[in-house]
Protein backbone atom coordinates (compact mmCIF):
# COMPACT_ATOMS: atom_id res chain seq x y z
CA MET A 1 12.40 5.48 8.14
CA LYS A 2 14.04 8.56 8.13
CA ALA A 3 12.87 9.60 11.46
CA PHE A 4 14.61 6.91 12.71
CA ALA A 5 18.29 7.89 11.15
CA THR A 6 18.32 11.28 11.84
CA GLY A 7 15.87 12.37 14.87
CA GLY A 8 14.54 9.11 15.75
CA ARG A 9 17.54 8.09 17.97
CA ASN A 10 16.62 11.11 20.20
CA VAL A 11 12.99 10.17 20.14
CA ILE A 12 13.92 6.78 20.83
CA SER A 13 15.96 7.95 23.86
CA HIS A 14 13.48 10.26 25.01
CA PHE A 15 10.73 7.39 26.11
CA GLY A 16 12.94 5.99 27.98
CA ASN A 17 12.45 1.89 27.82
CA THR A 18 11.77 1.87 24.32
CA TRP A 19 10.95 -2.45 24.87
CA ASP A 20 7.53 -1.49 26.71
CA ASN A 21 6.93 0.79 24.64
CA TYR A 22 6.73 -0.52 21.21
CA GLN A 23 5.75 -3.65 23.21
CA VAL A 24 2.22 -1.63 23.76
CA GLY A 25 1.28 -2.35 20.01
CA PHE A 26 1.23 -5.90 20.55
CA THR A 27 -1.18 -5.60 23.01
CA TYR A 28 -4.00 -3.63 21.55
CA PRO A 29 -6.82 -5.53 20.82
CA GLU A 30 -8.20 -5.56 16.97
CA GLY A 31 -11.00 -3.84 18.08
CA VAL A 32 -9.28 -0.54 18.92
CA HIS A 33 -8.45 -0.17 15.51
CA VAL A 34 -11.71 -0.93 14.20
CA SER A 35 -13.05 1.65 16.61
CA PHE A 36 -9.75 4.36 15.57
CA SER A 37 -10.72 3.22 11.83
CA SER A 38 -14.55 3.87 12.30
CA THR A 39 -13.93 7.06 14.52
CA GLN A 40 -11.69 8.92 12.62
CA PHE A 41 -12.49 7.25 8.79
CA GLY A 42 -16.12 6.45 8.67
CA THR A 43 -19.28 7.86 7.54
CA HIS A 44 -20.00 9.95 10.62
CA GLY A 45 -16.34 10.04 11.82
CA TRP A 46 -13.84 12.88 12.33
CA PHE A 47 -12.40 12.76 8.61
CA GLY A 48 -15.47 11.16 7.38
CA GLY A 49 -17.02 14.39 5.72
CA THR A 50 -14.37 15.62 3.74
CA LEU A 51 -13.03 11.73 2.76
CA ARG A 52 -16.50 11.40 0.99
CA ALA A 53 -16.22 15.42 -0.51
CA HIS A 54 -13.71 13.47 -2.27
CA HIS A 55 -15.24 10.37 -2.94
CA ILE A 56 -12.54 8.03 -0.67
CA ARG A 57 -13.30 5.08 1.18
CA VAL A 58 -11.55 4.01 4.12
CA VAL A 59 -13.93 1.73 5.86
CA PHE A 60 -15.18 -1.36 3.95
CA ALA A 61 -12.49 -0.76 1.17
CA VAL A 62 -9.06 -1.40 0.19
CA PRO A 63 -7.39 1.66 2.48
CA GLY A 64 -9.69 0.35 5.14
CA ILE A 65 -7.72 -3.11 5.12
CA VAL A 66 -4.30 -1.95 4.07
CA LEU A 67 -4.19 0.44 7.53
CA ALA A 68 -6.08 -1.91 9.59
CA THR A 69 -2.70 -4.54 8.61
CA ILE A 70 -0.35 -1.82 9.27
CA PHE A 71 -1.30 -1.53 12.54
CA VAL A 72 -1.51 -5.10 13.50
CA THR A 73 2.07 -5.85 11.78
CA PHE A 74 4.09 -2.77 12.58
CA PRO A 75 5.46 -3.67 15.84
CA PHE A 76 6.71 -6.68 14.78
CA ILE A 77 9.27 -4.49 12.50
CA ALA A 78 9.84 -2.11 15.62
CA ARG A 79 10.77 -5.36 17.32
CA GLU A 80 13.33 -6.40 14.92
CA LEU A 81 14.76 -2.77 14.15
CA ILE A 82 15.12 -1.15 17.63
CA PRO A 83 17.13 -3.32 19.40
CA VAL A 84 19.45 -3.19 16.27
CA MET A 85 19.74 0.55 16.26
CA GLN A 86 20.18 0.91 19.91
CA ALA A 87 23.15 -1.74 20.08
CA GLN A 88 24.61 0.34 16.60
CA GLY A 89 24.93 3.34 18.84
CA LYS A 90 24.65 6.52 16.85
CA HIS A 91 28.51 8.04 16.79
CA ASP A 92 28.76 6.40 12.89
CA GLU A 93 25.28 8.77 12.06
CA GLU A 94 26.57 11.44 13.86
CA THR A 95 29.82 11.73 12.25
CA ALA A 96 28.87 12.03 8.56
CA LEU A 97 26.24 14.58 9.90
CA SER A 98 29.74 16.42 11.33
CA LEU A 99 31.42 15.50 7.75
CA GLY A 100 28.40 17.39 5.81
CA ALA A 101 26.00 14.64 5.00
CA THR A 102 22.19 15.50 4.73
CA GLY A 103 20.06 13.27 6.85
CA TRP A 104 18.82 11.18 3.66
CA GLN A 105 22.77 10.94 2.49
CA THR A 106 23.24 10.05 6.35
CA PHE A 107 20.26 7.28 6.22
CA TRP A 108 20.93 5.61 2.58
CA ARG A 109 25.00 5.30 3.51
CA VAL A 110 25.04 4.64 6.94
CA THR A 111 21.97 3.59 8.61
CA LEU A 112 20.35 1.36 6.46
CA PRO A 113 23.23 -0.57 5.29
CA ALA A 114 23.83 -1.12 8.95
CA ILE A 115 20.47 -2.48 9.56
CA ARG A 116 20.03 -4.19 6.26
CA TRP A 117 19.50 -7.43 8.33
CA GLY A 118 17.32 -6.51 10.87
CA VAL A 119 14.71 -4.39 8.49
CA ALA A 120 15.05 -7.76 6.00
CA TYR A 121 13.77 -10.22 9.28
CA GLY A 122 10.95 -7.41 10.08
CA VAL A 123 9.50 -7.17 6.90
CA VAL A 124 9.54 -11.08 6.85
CA LEU A 125 8.05 -11.44 9.97
CA THR A 126 5.27 -8.42 9.10
CA THR A 127 4.51 -10.34 6.06
CA ALA A 128 3.62 -13.28 8.05
CA ARG A 129 1.70 -11.84 10.31
CA ALA A 130 0.23 -9.93 7.75
CA LEU A 131 -0.54 -13.36 5.63
CA GLY A 132 -2.86 -14.19 8.45
CA GLU A 133 -4.07 -11.30 9.62
CA PHE A 134 -8.49 -12.04 10.40
CA GLY A 135 -9.74 -10.12 13.22
CA ALA A 136 -9.39 -6.50 12.01
CA VAL A 137 -9.27 -6.65 8.72
CA SER A 138 -12.77 -8.66 8.66
CA VAL A 139 -14.35 -5.94 10.56
CA VAL A 140 -12.97 -2.96 8.50
CA SER A 141 -13.38 -4.71 5.25
CA GLY A 142 -16.48 -5.75 5.32
CA HIS A 143 -16.73 -9.00 3.37
CA ILE A 144 -17.33 -7.37 -0.30
CA ARG A 145 -16.74 -10.28 -2.59
CA GLY A 146 -14.05 -9.61 -5.24
CA GLN A 147 -12.86 -6.64 -3.85
CA THR A 148 -12.18 -6.69 -0.42
CA GLU A 149 -11.76 -10.13 0.65
CA THR A 150 -8.41 -11.17 1.80
CA LEU A 151 -7.30 -14.85 1.56
CA THR A 152 -8.26 -15.52 5.49
CA LEU A 153 -11.51 -14.01 4.66
CA HIS A 154 -12.17 -16.50 1.21
CA VAL A 155 -11.39 -19.33 3.86
CA GLU A 156 -13.81 -18.71 6.72
CA ASP A 157 -16.42 -17.35 3.53
CA ARG A 158 -16.18 -21.04 2.00
CA PHE A 159 -16.11 -22.86 5.33
CA GLN A 160 -19.13 -21.07 6.54
CA SER A 161 -21.06 -21.94 2.56
CA PHE A 162 -20.11 -25.39 3.72
CA ASP A 163 -17.45 -25.46 0.49
CA LEU A 164 -14.67 -27.25 2.71
CA THR A 165 -13.12 -28.56 -0.52
CA GLY A 166 -12.58 -24.32 -1.39
CA ALA A 167 -11.85 -23.71 2.65
CA TYR A 168 -9.01 -26.55 2.34
CA ALA A 169 -7.85 -25.09 -0.51
CA ALA A 170 -7.47 -21.82 0.16
CA SER A 171 -6.13 -23.09 3.84
CA VAL A 172 -2.83 -25.48 1.42
CA VAL A 173 -2.56 -22.14 0.05
CA LEU A 174 -2.00 -19.63 3.09
CA ALA A 175 0.24 -22.62 4.74
CA LEU A 176 2.14 -22.56 1.67
CA LEU A 177 2.95 -18.84 2.03
CA ALA A 178 3.72 -19.33 5.55
CA LEU A 179 6.61 -22.19 4.58
CA ILE A 180 7.83 -19.52 2.24
CA THR A 181 8.33 -17.04 4.52
CA LEU A 182 9.19 -19.41 6.94
CA VAL A 183 12.14 -20.28 4.73
CA SER A 184 12.73 -17.18 4.02
CA MET A 185 13.05 -15.80 7.35
CA ASN A 186 15.86 -19.00 8.07
CA LEU A 187 17.73 -18.07 5.10
CA MET A 188 18.04 -14.15 5.96
CA LYS A 189 18.66 -15.00 9.81
CA ARG A 190 21.93 -17.29 8.29
CA ARG A 191 23.20 -14.21 5.89
CA GLY A 192 22.75 -12.01 8.41
CA ASP A 193 25.01 -14.07 11.18
CA VAL A 194 27.26 -14.00 8.53
CA ALA A 195 27.30 -10.52 7.37
């Protein structure tokens, strides 16, 4: 976040049409993340030996699920933040820096208050996408019951085991979480329009 607050604006303008650049994240198939995770963090991956020596597992463990979820959901927060930051401009931040504020002070006192609704809205969208994530998480997690099984993986497991009652119950929980997310998103959008 601090990169966006201080030098991030230069990075954004350096790449030209930012809309196209962060939209790329929406077009990657989830298999890209799976192959990346395997080649980087798998047993025989680039960092696999070092991670294994320190007894750290990424693939088929919770860190792999977190990485897969971040990879798939990050474009949602970028989709909300970048246009807000471009519309805001960098004048206020440059003024704060010229008056002696540090990068962190500028971020917390100038940038974050100006983009708070974009951040909140992006977090809600990211949460909604993370709740329903199945593809990359399915492959990276390894379906280890009680350790790496997410709610969407549990629905699929119950369905494959012909436990339709369990599958539907878990699906209702997912639907309720999606409804709560949708209501939160609409409330935040209303508050953001008022502020």
